[in-house]
Amino acid sequence: MKAHAIDQIDTKGNRRIVILRTAAGYRVDEFERVNGDGTWHYRWYWETGLSRHELNHLLASIW
């Protein structure tokens, strides 16, 4: 698996997203704290060919 450049990390409450740049656009990894023990657990990821501007609008509507 090729390493991706981290573009942004954002945390709200018990959820965290990591935005990575890829050759095709962006990948968004989602994590969450489930027990309050401070450990982040991986939930899922999704990839998009959107521009960063379009991705920002999408995240603002769902995050």
Protein backbone atom coordinates (compact mmCIF):
# COMPACT_ATOMS: atom_id res chain seq x y z
CA MET A 1 0.00 0.00 0.00
CA LYS A 2 1.38 3.38 -0.99
CA ALA A 3 1.70 6.01 1.73
CA HIS A 4 -0.48 9.09 1.32
CA ALA A 5 0.23 12.65 2.44
CA ILE A 6 -1.92 13.75 5.38
CA ASP A 7 -3.76 16.92 4.44
CA GLN A 8 -5.80 17.50 7.60
CA ILE A 9 -6.88 15.90 10.90
CA ASP A 10 -10.12 17.06 12.49
CA THR A 11 -11.68 15.91 15.77
CA LYS A 12 -15.20 16.52 17.07
CA GLY A 13 -16.16 14.82 20.29
CA ASN A 14 -15.65 11.08 19.92
CA ARG A 15 -15.11 11.19 16.14
CA ARG A 16 -11.98 11.95 14.15
CA ILE A 17 -11.33 12.18 10.43
CA VAL A 18 -8.00 12.11 8.66
CA ILE A 19 -7.96 13.57 5.14
CA LEU A 20 -5.24 12.16 2.90
CA ARG A 21 -4.22 13.24 -0.58
CA THR A 22 -4.15 10.48 -3.18
CA ALA A 23 -3.34 10.39 -6.87
CA ALA A 24 -7.07 10.25 -7.68
CA GLY A 25 -8.24 12.88 -5.19
CA TYR A 26 -8.77 12.43 -1.46
CA ARG A 27 -9.28 9.61 1.02
CA VAL A 28 -11.10 10.22 4.30
CA ASP A 29 -10.41 7.82 7.18
CA GLU A 30 -12.89 7.89 10.06
CA PHE A 31 -12.11 6.88 13.65
CA GLU A 32 -14.14 6.90 16.85
CA ARG A 33 -13.64 6.48 20.60
CA VAL A 34 -15.97 3.76 21.79
CA ASN A 35 -15.15 3.20 25.48
CA GLY A 36 -13.88 6.60 26.52
CA ASP A 37 -10.47 5.02 27.17
CA GLY A 38 -8.72 7.49 24.88
CA THR A 39 -8.02 4.90 22.19
CA TRP A 40 -9.10 5.69 18.63
CA HIS A 41 -10.76 2.78 16.80
CA TYR A 42 -10.82 2.66 13.01
CA ARG A 43 -14.35 2.78 11.54
CA TRP A 44 -14.00 2.97 7.75
CA TYR A 45 -12.66 5.03 4.90
CA TRP A 46 -14.01 6.45 1.68
CA GLU A 47 -12.32 7.90 -1.39
CA THR A 48 -13.46 10.70 -3.62
CA GLY A 49 -12.33 12.40 -6.81
CA LEU A 50 -13.73 15.72 -5.60
CA SER A 51 -11.57 18.83 -5.46
CA ARG A 52 -10.58 20.02 -1.99
CA HIS A 53 -13.11 22.87 -2.25
CA GLU A 54 -15.93 20.41 -3.07
CA LEU A 55 -14.76 18.06 -0.32
CA ASN A 56 -14.88 20.92 2.21
CA HIS A 57 -18.51 21.63 1.26
CA LEU A 58 -19.43 17.95 1.54
CA LEU A 59 -17.77 17.59 4.95
CA ALA A 60 -19.43 20.78 6.21
CA SER A 61 -22.83 19.28 5.40
CA ILE A 62 -22.21 15.87 7.04
CA TRP A 63 -19.56 16.44 9.73
